[in-house]
Amino acid sequence: MRRSRVSIGLILALSAVAFVAGPVAAASTTPLGKNLVKNPSAELGAASKYGDGVTVPDWETISDSNFTVVKYGTLGGPTKAQGAANGGKKYFWTGHYDSVYNACDDAIQNIKINGLNSQIDAHNLNVTLSAWVGAYYSTDLARVTLTFGDDSNNFISSIRVGAHGPTSNFAHPSVTVKVPKHTRQVTVHLYDAGTSDSCLAFFDKISVELSQA
């Protein structure tokens, strides 16, 4: 089994000292019934014409990552008709196989949850993870994992959705669970969990939504 280039357990929170003239505004309460993922459909930023890696706004990739964004129908990939319903013009792709790291590249996004500690710890909140995912070969497995972390992003548990190939048509899996006690942040991870070096896993319309249990 290939190791992902981005390990959730090794993500380091960056901190900085800032000097401000006035008081620091308190973080607003995380809303319910709203997708918390930023740039969930790959519509922000540039698209690649040749499958090379690009900077993906709001998602963390390694600086030389091959993880990329392409337009539907580019490079023989999924067409608009095969993609996500109302998915826009572009989608995420794990990109060309990385021969340096011997892995398909991936992307992560961390989401802080504010003002809901008491509801979470009383098991009164659900979270729904859903995504449009596709994989070209049977050896490809497009997977989206949602990892629950505490204040320091220590691992609590995780859930995931995904789709095997062979098909270019996107599937739309979804899973709903209670938010685990002590959760204060979650991390979304897009990657190819397959068994080959083809790296033909596609993603669109990633969604993480909180609701009353």
N, C-alpha and C. Protein backbone atom coordinates (compact mmCIF):
# COMPACT_ATOMS: atom_id res chain seq x y z
N MET A 1 0.85 -1.20 0.00
CA MET A 1 0.00 0.00 0.00
C MET A 1 0.88 1.24 0.00
N ARG A 2 0.65 2.15 -0.94
CA ARG A 2 1.46 3.35 -1.03
C ARG A 2 1.18 4.28 0.13
N ARG A 3 2.19 4.98 0.58
CA ARG A 3 2.00 6.00 1.59
C ARG A 3 1.65 7.31 0.93
N SER A 4 0.68 8.02 1.49
CA SER A 4 0.32 9.33 0.97
C SER A 4 1.42 10.32 1.29
N ARG A 5 1.64 11.28 0.40
CA ARG A 5 2.66 12.29 0.65
C ARG A 5 2.29 13.19 1.80
N VAL A 6 1.00 13.40 2.03
CA VAL A 6 0.58 14.24 3.15
C VAL A 6 -0.01 13.34 4.22
N SER A 7 0.63 13.25 5.37
CA SER A 7 0.15 12.42 6.47
C SER A 7 -0.59 13.28 7.46
N ILE A 8 -1.86 12.94 7.72
CA ILE A 8 -2.66 13.75 8.64
C ILE A 8 -2.00 13.83 10.00
N GLY A 9 -1.39 12.72 10.44
CA GLY A 9 -0.78 12.72 11.76
C GLY A 9 0.45 13.60 11.85
N LEU A 10 1.01 14.04 10.70
CA LEU A 10 2.22 14.86 10.72
C LEU A 10 1.97 16.31 10.39
N ILE A 11 0.68 16.66 10.24
CA ILE A 11 0.37 18.06 9.92
C ILE A 11 0.71 18.92 11.12
N LEU A 12 1.48 19.96 10.91
CA LEU A 12 1.88 20.85 11.99
C LEU A 12 1.11 22.15 11.88
N ALA A 13 0.54 22.58 12.99
CA ALA A 13 -0.17 23.85 13.01
C ALA A 13 0.86 24.96 13.08
N LEU A 14 0.78 25.92 12.16
CA LEU A 14 1.69 27.05 12.14
C LEU A 14 1.13 28.16 13.00
N SER A 15 1.98 28.74 13.82
CA SER A 15 1.55 29.84 14.67
C SER A 15 2.43 31.04 14.42
N ALA A 16 1.88 32.22 14.58
CA ALA A 16 2.63 33.45 14.38
C ALA A 16 2.23 34.45 15.42
N VAL A 17 3.15 35.34 15.78
CA VAL A 17 2.86 36.39 16.73
C VAL A 17 2.51 37.64 15.96
N ALA A 18 1.33 38.18 16.22
CA ALA A 18 0.87 39.36 15.50
C ALA A 18 0.61 40.47 16.50
N PHE A 19 0.98 41.68 16.14
CA PHE A 19 0.73 42.83 16.97
C PHE A 19 -0.36 43.65 16.31
N VAL A 20 -1.44 43.91 17.03
CA VAL A 20 -2.57 44.62 16.47
C VAL A 20 -2.89 45.81 17.33
N ALA A 21 -3.48 46.81 16.73
CA ALA A 21 -3.77 48.05 17.43
C ALA A 21 -4.97 47.92 18.34
N GLY A 22 -5.94 47.11 17.96
CA GLY A 22 -7.17 46.97 18.72
C GLY A 22 -7.35 45.55 19.21
N PRO A 23 -8.46 45.26 19.90
CA PRO A 23 -8.71 43.91 20.39
C PRO A 23 -8.95 42.94 19.25
N VAL A 24 -8.58 41.68 19.48
CA VAL A 24 -8.76 40.65 18.46
C VAL A 24 -10.21 40.18 18.48
N ALA A 25 -10.84 40.17 17.33
CA ALA A 25 -12.25 39.77 17.25
C ALA A 25 -12.37 38.27 17.51
N ALA A 26 -13.41 37.90 18.25
CA ALA A 26 -13.65 36.49 18.54
C ALA A 26 -14.10 35.77 17.28
N ALA A 27 -13.71 34.51 17.15
CA ALA A 27 -14.12 33.72 15.99
C ALA A 27 -15.62 33.51 16.02
N SER A 28 -16.26 33.66 14.88
CA SER A 28 -17.71 33.49 14.82
C SER A 28 -18.06 32.01 14.93
N THR A 29 -19.27 31.74 15.40
CA THR A 29 -19.72 30.36 15.56
C THR A 29 -19.86 29.69 14.20
N THR A 30 -19.35 28.49 14.10
CA THR A 30 -19.45 27.74 12.85
C THR A 30 -20.92 27.46 12.54
N PRO A 31 -21.39 27.80 11.32
CA PRO A 31 -22.81 27.64 11.01
C PRO A 31 -23.21 26.19 10.77
N LEU A 32 -24.48 25.91 11.04
CA LEU A 32 -25.06 24.61 10.70
C LEU A 32 -25.74 24.71 9.34
N GLY A 33 -25.86 23.58 8.67
CA GLY A 33 -26.58 23.55 7.40
C GLY A 33 -25.88 24.26 6.26
N LYS A 34 -24.57 24.41 6.35
CA LYS A 34 -23.80 25.11 5.32
C LYS A 34 -22.53 24.33 5.04
N ASN A 35 -22.15 24.25 3.76
CA ASN A 35 -20.92 23.57 3.41
C ASN A 35 -19.73 24.35 3.96
N LEU A 36 -18.91 23.71 4.78
CA LEU A 36 -17.78 24.37 5.43
C LEU A 36 -16.49 24.31 4.61
N VAL A 37 -16.49 23.59 3.51
CA VAL A 37 -15.31 23.46 2.68
C VAL A 37 -15.15 24.70 1.79
N LYS A 38 -13.96 25.27 1.79
CA LYS A 38 -13.66 26.38 0.91
C LYS A 38 -13.19 25.86 -0.45
N ASN A 39 -13.59 26.55 -1.50
CA ASN A 39 -13.26 26.11 -2.86
C ASN A 39 -13.59 24.63 -3.05
N PRO A 40 -14.83 24.23 -2.80
CA PRO A 40 -15.17 22.81 -2.83
C PRO A 40 -15.25 22.21 -4.23
N SER A 41 -15.35 23.06 -5.25
CA SER A 41 -15.57 22.56 -6.61
C SER A 41 -14.43 22.91 -7.56
N ALA A 42 -13.29 23.32 -7.01
CA ALA A 42 -12.09 23.61 -7.82
C ALA A 42 -12.29 24.76 -8.79
N GLU A 43 -13.26 25.63 -8.52
CA GLU A 43 -13.54 26.71 -9.45
C GLU A 43 -12.60 27.90 -9.28
N LEU A 44 -11.96 28.02 -8.11
CA LEU A 44 -11.04 29.12 -7.88
C LEU A 44 -9.65 28.79 -8.43
N GLY A 45 -8.96 29.80 -8.89
CA GLY A 45 -7.60 29.60 -9.37
C GLY A 45 -7.55 29.09 -10.80
N ALA A 46 -6.32 28.84 -11.24
CA ALA A 46 -6.08 28.43 -12.62
C ALA A 46 -6.29 26.94 -12.82
N ALA A 47 -6.59 26.57 -14.06
CA ALA A 47 -6.67 25.16 -14.44
C ALA A 47 -5.45 24.80 -15.27
N SER A 48 -5.02 23.55 -15.20
CA SER A 48 -3.87 23.09 -15.97
C SER A 48 -4.32 22.63 -17.35
N LYS A 49 -3.52 22.95 -18.36
CA LYS A 49 -3.84 22.49 -19.71
C LYS A 49 -3.22 21.14 -20.02
N TYR A 50 -2.13 20.82 -19.32
CA TYR A 50 -1.38 19.61 -19.66
C TYR A 50 -1.25 18.64 -18.48
N GLY A 51 -2.02 18.87 -17.44
CA GLY A 51 -2.00 17.95 -16.31
C GLY A 51 -0.90 18.21 -15.31
N ASP A 52 -0.13 19.30 -15.47
CA ASP A 52 0.89 19.62 -14.49
C ASP A 52 0.24 20.24 -13.25
N GLY A 53 0.96 20.20 -12.14
CA GLY A 53 0.40 20.71 -10.90
C GLY A 53 0.19 22.22 -10.93
N VAL A 54 -0.83 22.68 -10.24
CA VAL A 54 -1.11 24.11 -10.12
C VAL A 54 -1.38 24.43 -8.65
N THR A 55 -1.28 25.71 -8.31
CA THR A 55 -1.66 26.14 -6.98
C THR A 55 -3.17 26.03 -6.85
N VAL A 56 -3.65 25.39 -5.78
CA VAL A 56 -5.08 25.18 -5.58
C VAL A 56 -5.53 26.04 -4.39
N PRO A 57 -6.22 27.14 -4.63
CA PRO A 57 -6.64 28.01 -3.53
C PRO A 57 -7.40 27.26 -2.44
N ASP A 58 -7.07 27.54 -1.19
CA ASP A 58 -7.72 27.00 0.01
C ASP A 58 -7.38 25.55 0.31
N TRP A 59 -6.56 24.91 -0.53
CA TRP A 59 -6.14 23.54 -0.29
C TRP A 59 -4.63 23.49 -0.13
N GLU A 60 -4.16 22.63 0.77
CA GLU A 60 -2.73 22.49 1.01
C GLU A 60 -2.18 21.32 0.21
N THR A 61 -1.19 21.63 -0.64
CA THR A 61 -0.44 20.60 -1.35
C THR A 61 1.03 20.91 -1.15
N ILE A 62 1.88 19.91 -1.31
CA ILE A 62 3.32 20.16 -1.24
C ILE A 62 3.71 21.06 -2.40
N SER A 63 4.69 21.92 -2.18
CA SER A 63 5.01 22.97 -3.15
C SER A 63 5.27 22.44 -4.56
N ASP A 64 5.87 21.25 -4.67
CA ASP A 64 6.13 20.68 -5.99
C ASP A 64 5.13 19.59 -6.36
N SER A 65 3.95 19.66 -5.74
CA SER A 65 2.95 18.62 -5.91
C SER A 65 2.44 18.57 -7.35
N ASN A 66 2.10 17.36 -7.80
CA ASN A 66 1.45 17.19 -9.10
C ASN A 66 -0.07 17.30 -9.00
N PHE A 67 -0.61 17.35 -7.77
CA PHE A 67 -2.05 17.50 -7.60
C PHE A 67 -2.49 18.75 -8.37
N THR A 68 -3.62 18.65 -9.07
CA THR A 68 -3.94 19.73 -9.99
C THR A 68 -5.45 19.92 -10.17
N VAL A 69 -5.80 20.87 -10.99
CA VAL A 69 -7.17 21.19 -11.37
C VAL A 69 -7.23 21.25 -12.88
N VAL A 70 -8.22 20.61 -13.47
CA VAL A 70 -8.38 20.64 -14.92
C VAL A 70 -9.84 20.88 -15.27
N LYS A 71 -10.07 21.32 -16.49
CA LYS A 71 -11.42 21.52 -16.97
C LYS A 71 -12.01 20.20 -17.45
N TYR A 72 -13.31 20.05 -17.31
CA TYR A 72 -13.99 18.85 -17.81
C TYR A 72 -13.70 18.68 -19.30
N GLY A 73 -13.37 17.43 -19.67
CA GLY A 73 -13.08 17.13 -21.07
C GLY A 73 -11.63 17.31 -21.45
N THR A 74 -10.78 17.79 -20.54
CA THR A 74 -9.36 18.00 -20.82
C THR A 74 -8.60 16.68 -20.71
N LEU A 75 -7.63 16.48 -21.60
CA LEU A 75 -6.71 15.33 -21.52
C LEU A 75 -7.42 13.99 -21.52
N GLY A 76 -8.58 13.92 -22.14
CA GLY A 76 -9.31 12.67 -22.19
C GLY A 76 -9.97 12.28 -20.89
N GLY A 77 -10.04 13.21 -19.91
CA GLY A 77 -10.67 12.94 -18.64
C GLY A 77 -12.18 13.05 -18.73
N PRO A 78 -12.87 13.06 -17.59
CA PRO A 78 -14.33 13.13 -17.59
C PRO A 78 -14.85 14.34 -18.35
N THR A 79 -15.94 14.13 -19.05
CA THR A 79 -16.60 15.23 -19.74
C THR A 79 -17.59 15.89 -18.79
N LYS A 80 -18.14 17.00 -19.21
CA LYS A 80 -19.14 17.69 -18.39
C LYS A 80 -20.31 16.78 -18.07
N ALA A 81 -20.72 15.97 -19.03
CA ALA A 81 -21.86 15.06 -18.83
C ALA A 81 -21.53 13.96 -17.84
N GLN A 82 -20.25 13.58 -17.72
CA GLN A 82 -19.84 12.51 -16.80
C GLN A 82 -19.53 13.04 -15.40
N GLY A 83 -19.42 14.35 -15.25
CA GLY A 83 -18.97 14.94 -14.00
C GLY A 83 -20.08 15.15 -12.99
N ALA A 84 -19.77 15.99 -12.01
CA ALA A 84 -20.71 16.27 -10.93
C ALA A 84 -21.88 17.10 -11.43
N ALA A 85 -23.06 16.84 -10.89
CA ALA A 85 -24.23 17.65 -11.23
C ALA A 85 -24.00 19.08 -10.77
N ASN A 86 -24.14 20.03 -11.70
CA ASN A 86 -23.90 21.44 -11.40
C ASN A 86 -22.53 21.65 -10.78
N GLY A 87 -21.55 20.92 -11.28
CA GLY A 87 -20.21 20.96 -10.71
C GLY A 87 -19.31 22.05 -11.24
N GLY A 88 -19.84 22.93 -12.07
CA GLY A 88 -19.00 23.98 -12.61
C GLY A 88 -18.18 23.50 -13.79
N LYS A 89 -17.08 24.20 -14.06
CA LYS A 89 -16.27 23.91 -15.23
C LYS A 89 -15.07 23.01 -14.94
N LYS A 90 -14.67 22.91 -13.67
CA LYS A 90 -13.40 22.25 -13.34
C LYS A 90 -13.57 21.22 -12.24
N TYR A 91 -12.55 20.38 -12.07
CA TYR A 91 -12.55 19.38 -11.01
C TYR A 91 -11.11 19.15 -10.54
N PHE A 92 -10.96 18.53 -9.38
CA PHE A 92 -9.65 18.17 -8.84
C PHE A 92 -9.18 16.85 -9.44
N TRP A 93 -7.87 16.74 -9.65
CA TRP A 93 -7.27 15.50 -10.14
C TRP A 93 -5.98 15.27 -9.36
N THR A 94 -5.72 14.01 -8.96
CA THR A 94 -4.49 13.71 -8.22
C THR A 94 -3.24 13.98 -9.03
N GLY A 95 -3.35 14.06 -10.34
CA GLY A 95 -2.21 14.43 -11.18
C GLY A 95 -1.31 13.27 -11.54
N HIS A 96 -0.28 13.58 -12.32
CA HIS A 96 0.64 12.54 -12.78
C HIS A 96 1.36 11.87 -11.60
N TYR A 97 1.70 10.62 -11.78
CA TYR A 97 2.42 9.87 -10.73
C TYR A 97 3.71 10.59 -10.36
N ASP A 98 3.97 10.68 -9.07
CA ASP A 98 5.16 11.35 -8.56
C ASP A 98 6.26 10.31 -8.37
N SER A 99 7.22 10.27 -9.29
CA SER A 99 8.28 9.26 -9.24
C SER A 99 9.30 9.55 -8.15
N VAL A 100 9.32 10.78 -7.63
CA VAL A 100 10.24 11.10 -6.53
C VAL A 100 9.74 10.49 -5.24
N TYR A 101 8.44 10.65 -4.95
CA TYR A 101 7.85 10.13 -3.73
C TYR A 101 7.20 8.76 -3.93
N ASN A 102 7.17 8.28 -5.18
CA ASN A 102 6.53 6.99 -5.49
C ASN A 102 5.11 6.93 -4.97
N ALA A 103 4.34 7.94 -5.31
CA ALA A 103 2.95 8.03 -4.84
C ALA A 103 2.16 8.97 -5.73
N CYS A 104 0.84 8.85 -5.66
CA CYS A 104 -0.03 9.85 -6.26
C CYS A 104 -0.14 11.02 -5.27
N ASP A 105 -0.19 12.22 -5.79
CA ASP A 105 -0.24 13.38 -4.91
C ASP A 105 -1.65 13.62 -4.37
N ASP A 106 -1.75 14.43 -3.32
CA ASP A 106 -3.02 14.62 -2.63
C ASP A 106 -3.14 16.05 -2.13
N ALA A 107 -4.29 16.36 -1.52
CA ALA A 107 -4.55 17.71 -1.01
C ALA A 107 -5.34 17.61 0.28
N ILE A 108 -5.12 18.59 1.18
CA ILE A 108 -5.85 18.62 2.44
C ILE A 108 -6.38 20.02 2.71
N GLN A 109 -7.41 20.08 3.55
CA GLN A 109 -7.95 21.35 4.03
C GLN A 109 -8.40 21.17 5.47
N ASN A 110 -7.92 22.07 6.34
CA ASN A 110 -8.28 22.02 7.76
C ASN A 110 -9.42 23.00 8.03
N ILE A 111 -10.39 22.56 8.83
CA ILE A 111 -11.56 23.39 9.15
C ILE A 111 -11.70 23.46 10.66
N LYS A 112 -11.61 24.65 11.23
CA LYS A 112 -11.81 24.84 12.66
C LYS A 112 -13.32 24.92 12.95
N ILE A 113 -13.75 24.36 14.06
CA ILE A 113 -15.15 24.42 14.49
C ILE A 113 -15.22 25.28 15.74
N ASN A 114 -15.95 26.39 15.65
CA ASN A 114 -15.99 27.37 16.73
C ASN A 114 -17.38 27.47 17.36
N GLY A 115 -17.41 27.65 18.68
CA GLY A 115 -18.65 27.97 19.39
C GLY A 115 -19.63 26.83 19.55
N LEU A 116 -19.22 25.61 19.28
CA LEU A 116 -20.14 24.47 19.33
C LEU A 116 -19.64 23.36 20.26
N ASN A 117 -18.71 23.70 21.16
CA ASN A 117 -18.10 22.67 22.01
C ASN A 117 -19.11 21.90 22.84
N SER A 118 -20.04 22.63 23.47
CA SER A 118 -21.00 21.95 24.36
C SER A 118 -21.92 21.03 23.58
N GLN A 119 -22.34 21.44 22.39
CA GLN A 119 -23.21 20.58 21.58
C GLN A 119 -22.46 19.35 21.08
N ILE A 120 -21.20 19.54 20.70
CA ILE A 120 -20.39 18.41 20.24
C ILE A 120 -20.19 17.40 21.37
N ASP A 121 -19.80 17.90 22.54
CA ASP A 121 -19.48 17.00 23.65
C ASP A 121 -20.72 16.31 24.22
N ALA A 122 -21.91 16.87 23.93
CA ALA A 122 -23.15 16.22 24.34
C ALA A 122 -23.70 15.31 23.23
N HIS A 123 -22.93 15.15 22.15
CA HIS A 123 -23.33 14.31 21.00
C HIS A 123 -24.63 14.82 20.37
N ASN A 124 -24.76 16.13 20.27
CA ASN A 124 -25.97 16.72 19.70
C ASN A 124 -25.79 17.22 18.27
N LEU A 125 -24.62 16.96 17.68
CA LEU A 125 -24.38 17.42 16.32
C LEU A 125 -24.01 16.25 15.41
N ASN A 126 -24.54 16.28 14.18
CA ASN A 126 -24.14 15.35 13.13
C ASN A 126 -23.24 16.08 12.13
N VAL A 127 -22.45 15.30 11.41
CA VAL A 127 -21.70 15.84 10.28
C VAL A 127 -21.95 14.93 9.09
N THR A 128 -22.14 15.54 7.93
CA THR A 128 -22.32 14.79 6.69
C THR A 128 -21.16 15.10 5.75
N LEU A 129 -20.46 14.05 5.34
CA LEU A 129 -19.39 14.15 4.35
C LEU A 129 -19.92 13.61 3.03
N SER A 130 -19.81 14.39 1.98
CA SER A 130 -20.21 13.92 0.66
C SER A 130 -19.27 14.50 -0.39
N ALA A 131 -19.22 13.86 -1.53
CA ALA A 131 -18.35 14.33 -2.61
C ALA A 131 -18.77 13.64 -3.90
N TRP A 132 -18.41 14.27 -5.01
CA TRP A 132 -18.52 13.62 -6.31
C TRP A 132 -17.13 13.11 -6.64
N VAL A 133 -17.03 11.81 -6.90
CA VAL A 133 -15.72 11.18 -7.09
C VAL A 133 -15.77 10.21 -8.28
N GLY A 134 -14.64 10.09 -8.95
CA GLY A 134 -14.53 9.17 -10.06
C GLY A 134 -13.13 8.60 -10.17
N ALA A 135 -12.99 7.45 -10.78
CA ALA A 135 -11.69 6.80 -10.96
C ALA A 135 -11.69 6.07 -12.30
N TYR A 136 -10.61 6.24 -13.05
CA TYR A 136 -10.59 5.76 -14.44
C TYR A 136 -10.36 4.25 -14.55
N TYR A 137 -9.41 3.72 -13.77
CA TYR A 137 -9.08 2.30 -13.85
C TYR A 137 -9.56 1.57 -12.59
N SER A 138 -9.67 0.24 -12.68
CA SER A 138 -10.09 -0.54 -11.51
C SER A 138 -9.05 -0.49 -10.40
N THR A 139 -7.82 -0.13 -10.74
CA THR A 139 -6.76 -0.03 -9.73
C THR A 139 -6.74 1.35 -9.06
N ASP A 140 -7.58 2.26 -9.52
CA ASP A 140 -7.69 3.59 -8.91
C ASP A 140 -8.85 3.62 -7.93
N LEU A 141 -8.68 4.32 -6.83
CA LEU A 141 -9.73 4.50 -5.84
C LEU A 141 -9.72 5.95 -5.37
N ALA A 142 -10.66 6.74 -5.86
CA ALA A 142 -10.78 8.12 -5.42
C ALA A 142 -11.38 8.13 -4.02
N ARG A 143 -10.67 8.71 -3.07
CA ARG A 143 -11.13 8.67 -1.68
C ARG A 143 -11.06 10.06 -1.05
N VAL A 144 -12.10 10.37 -0.27
CA VAL A 144 -12.15 11.60 0.53
C VAL A 144 -12.31 11.18 1.98
N THR A 145 -11.35 11.54 2.82
CA THR A 145 -11.39 11.20 4.24
C THR A 145 -11.59 12.46 5.06
N LEU A 146 -12.44 12.36 6.07
CA LEU A 146 -12.65 13.46 7.02
C LEU A 146 -12.13 12.97 8.37
N THR A 147 -11.08 13.63 8.88
CA THR A 147 -10.47 13.25 10.16
C THR A 147 -10.88 14.24 11.24
N PHE A 148 -11.33 13.73 12.38
CA PHE A 148 -11.73 14.55 13.51
C PHE A 148 -10.53 14.74 14.43
N GLY A 149 -10.27 15.99 14.85
CA GLY A 149 -9.16 16.28 15.73
C GLY A 149 -9.58 17.13 16.91
N ASP A 150 -8.80 17.09 18.00
CA ASP A 150 -9.09 17.92 19.16
C ASP A 150 -8.47 19.30 18.99
N ASP A 151 -8.31 20.06 20.08
CA ASP A 151 -7.76 21.41 19.99
C ASP A 151 -6.40 21.44 19.30
N SER A 152 -5.60 20.42 19.54
CA SER A 152 -4.26 20.35 18.96
C SER A 152 -4.22 19.51 17.69
N ASN A 153 -5.37 19.17 17.19
CA ASN A 153 -5.54 18.33 16.00
C ASN A 153 -5.00 16.92 16.19
N ASN A 154 -5.00 16.45 17.44
CA ASN A 154 -4.71 15.04 17.69
C ASN A 154 -5.86 14.19 17.16
N PHE A 155 -5.52 13.05 16.58
CA PHE A 155 -6.52 12.19 15.94
C PHE A 155 -7.54 11.66 16.95
N ILE A 156 -8.82 11.77 16.57
CA ILE A 156 -9.91 11.17 17.36
C ILE A 156 -10.52 9.99 16.58
N SER A 157 -10.95 10.26 15.36
CA SER A 157 -11.51 9.21 14.50
C SER A 157 -11.63 9.78 13.10
N SER A 158 -12.15 8.99 12.17
CA SER A 158 -12.30 9.47 10.80
C SER A 158 -13.43 8.74 10.09
N ILE A 159 -13.92 9.34 9.03
CA ILE A 159 -14.89 8.73 8.14
C ILE A 159 -14.41 8.97 6.72
N ARG A 160 -14.98 8.25 5.75
CA ARG A 160 -14.52 8.44 4.38
C ARG A 160 -15.58 8.01 3.39
N VAL A 161 -15.46 8.56 2.18
CA VAL A 161 -16.26 8.14 1.05
C VAL A 161 -15.31 7.94 -0.12
N GLY A 162 -15.76 7.18 -1.14
CA GLY A 162 -14.88 6.97 -2.27
C GLY A 162 -15.56 6.19 -3.38
N ALA A 163 -14.82 5.99 -4.47
CA ALA A 163 -15.34 5.25 -5.62
C ALA A 163 -14.19 4.60 -6.37
N HIS A 164 -14.36 3.32 -6.71
CA HIS A 164 -13.41 2.59 -7.56
C HIS A 164 -13.71 2.85 -9.03
N GLY A 165 -12.70 2.68 -9.88
CA GLY A 165 -12.92 2.61 -11.31
C GLY A 165 -13.34 1.18 -11.66
N PRO A 166 -13.52 0.83 -12.93
CA PRO A 166 -13.17 1.68 -14.07
C PRO A 166 -14.37 2.44 -14.62
N THR A 167 -14.34 3.72 -14.51
CA THR A 167 -15.36 4.58 -15.12
C THR A 167 -14.92 6.02 -15.01
N SER A 168 -15.35 6.83 -15.93
CA SER A 168 -15.11 8.27 -15.84
C SER A 168 -16.32 8.98 -15.25
N ASN A 169 -17.43 8.24 -15.09
CA ASN A 169 -18.63 8.84 -14.52
C ASN A 169 -18.44 9.05 -13.01
N PHE A 170 -18.81 10.20 -12.53
CA PHE A 170 -18.67 10.50 -11.11
C PHE A 170 -19.80 9.84 -10.31
N ALA A 171 -19.43 9.27 -9.17
CA ALA A 171 -20.41 8.78 -8.19
C ALA A 171 -20.58 9.86 -7.13
N HIS A 172 -21.64 9.71 -6.31
CA HIS A 172 -21.92 10.73 -5.29
C HIS A 172 -22.18 10.08 -3.94
N PRO A 173 -21.15 9.49 -3.31
CA PRO A 173 -21.33 8.85 -2.01
C PRO A 173 -21.46 9.89 -0.90
N SER A 174 -22.11 9.48 0.20
CA SER A 174 -22.34 10.38 1.34
C SER A 174 -22.42 9.54 2.61
N VAL A 175 -21.92 10.09 3.72
CA VAL A 175 -22.02 9.41 5.01
C VAL A 175 -22.29 10.46 6.09
N THR A 176 -23.17 10.10 7.04
CA THR A 176 -23.52 10.99 8.15
C THR A 176 -23.27 10.27 9.47
N VAL A 177 -22.56 10.94 10.39
CA VAL A 177 -22.29 10.38 11.72
C VAL A 177 -22.41 11.50 12.75
N LYS A 178 -22.49 11.11 14.03
CA LYS A 178 -22.40 12.09 15.10
C LYS A 178 -20.97 12.60 15.21
N VAL A 179 -20.83 13.90 15.45
CA VAL A 179 -19.49 14.46 15.64
C VAL A 179 -18.92 13.91 16.94
N PRO A 180 -17.74 13.29 16.91
CA PRO A 180 -17.18 12.69 18.13
C PRO A 180 -16.90 13.72 19.22
N LYS A 181 -17.05 13.30 20.44
CA LYS A 181 -16.76 14.14 21.60
C LYS A 181 -15.33 14.67 21.52
N HIS A 182 -15.15 15.93 21.92
CA HIS A 182 -13.86 16.63 21.96
C HIS A 182 -13.39 17.13 20.59
N THR A 183 -14.20 16.93 19.55
CA THR A 183 -13.80 17.44 18.23
C THR A 183 -13.81 18.97 18.25
N ARG A 184 -12.72 19.56 17.75
CA ARG A 184 -12.62 21.01 17.64
C ARG A 184 -12.21 21.45 16.24
N GLN A 185 -11.82 20.48 15.43
CA GLN A 185 -11.47 20.77 14.04
C GLN A 185 -11.52 19.48 13.25
N VAL A 186 -11.65 19.63 11.94
CA VAL A 186 -11.67 18.47 11.05
C VAL A 186 -10.74 18.75 9.88
N THR A 187 -10.24 17.69 9.27
CA THR A 187 -9.35 17.82 8.12
C THR A 187 -9.88 16.98 6.97
N VAL A 188 -10.04 17.61 5.82
CA VAL A 188 -10.50 16.93 4.61
C VAL A 188 -9.27 16.53 3.79
N HIS A 189 -9.26 15.30 3.30
CA HIS A 189 -8.10 14.77 2.57
C HIS A 189 -8.57 14.13 1.27
N LEU A 190 -8.06 14.60 0.14
CA LEU A 190 -8.38 14.06 -1.18
C LEU A 190 -7.17 13.27 -1.68
N TYR A 191 -7.38 11.99 -2.07
CA TYR A 191 -6.24 11.19 -2.51
C TYR A 191 -6.71 9.97 -3.29
N ASP A 192 -5.75 9.34 -3.96
CA ASP A 192 -5.98 8.08 -4.68
C ASP A 192 -5.47 6.95 -3.81
N ALA A 193 -6.39 6.10 -3.34
CA ALA A 193 -6.02 4.99 -2.46
C ALA A 193 -5.90 3.69 -3.24
N GLY A 194 -5.70 3.79 -4.55
CA GLY A 194 -5.61 2.60 -5.38
C GLY A 194 -4.29 1.88 -5.25
N THR A 195 -4.08 0.92 -6.14
CA THR A 195 -2.92 0.02 -6.03
C THR A 195 -1.96 0.14 -7.19
N SER A 196 -2.09 1.19 -7.99
CA SER A 196 -1.19 1.33 -9.14
C SER A 196 -0.63 2.75 -9.18
N ASP A 197 0.12 3.04 -10.23
CA ASP A 197 0.71 4.37 -10.37
C ASP A 197 -0.01 5.20 -11.44
N SER A 198 -1.26 4.83 -11.76
CA SER A 198 -1.97 5.58 -12.80
C SER A 198 -2.46 6.94 -12.29
N CYS A 199 -2.85 7.02 -11.02
CA CYS A 199 -3.23 8.30 -10.39
C CYS A 199 -4.40 8.99 -11.10
N LEU A 200 -5.33 8.22 -11.60
CA LEU A 200 -6.47 8.79 -12.29
C LEU A 200 -7.69 8.78 -11.37
N ALA A 201 -7.61 9.59 -10.32
CA ALA A 201 -8.71 9.78 -9.38
C ALA A 201 -9.16 11.23 -9.46
N PHE A 202 -10.48 11.44 -9.50
CA PHE A 202 -11.06 12.77 -9.74
C PHE A 202 -12.03 13.13 -8.61
N PHE A 203 -12.16 14.43 -8.33
CA PHE A 203 -12.99 14.90 -7.22
C PHE A 203 -13.69 16.21 -7.59
N ASP A 204 -14.90 16.40 -7.07
CA ASP A 204 -15.63 17.65 -7.27
C ASP A 204 -16.68 17.79 -6.16
N LYS A 205 -17.08 19.02 -5.89
CA LYS A 205 -18.16 19.33 -4.94
C LYS A 205 -17.98 18.61 -3.61
N ILE A 206 -16.83 18.83 -2.99
CA ILE A 206 -16.56 18.25 -1.67
C ILE A 206 -17.41 19.01 -0.65
N SER A 207 -18.10 18.29 0.23
CA SER A 207 -19.00 18.95 1.19
C SER A 207 -18.85 18.36 2.59
N VAL A 208 -18.72 19.26 3.57
CA VAL A 208 -18.75 18.91 5.00
C VAL A 208 -19.77 19.82 5.64
N GLU A 209 -20.85 19.23 6.17
CA GLU A 209 -21.97 20.03 6.69
C GLU A 209 -22.40 19.53 8.06
N LEU A 210 -22.53 20.45 9.01
CA LEU A 210 -22.98 20.14 10.36
C LEU A 210 -24.49 20.33 10.46
N SER A 211 -25.13 19.51 11.33
CA SER A 211 -26.57 19.64 11.54
C SER A 211 -26.91 19.14 12.94
N GLN A 212 -28.08 19.48 13.42
CA GLN A 212 -28.53 18.99 14.72
C GLN A 212 -28.80 17.49 14.65
N ALA A 213 -28.34 16.77 15.68
CA ALA A 213 -28.55 15.33 15.71
C ALA A 213 -30.00 15.01 16.09
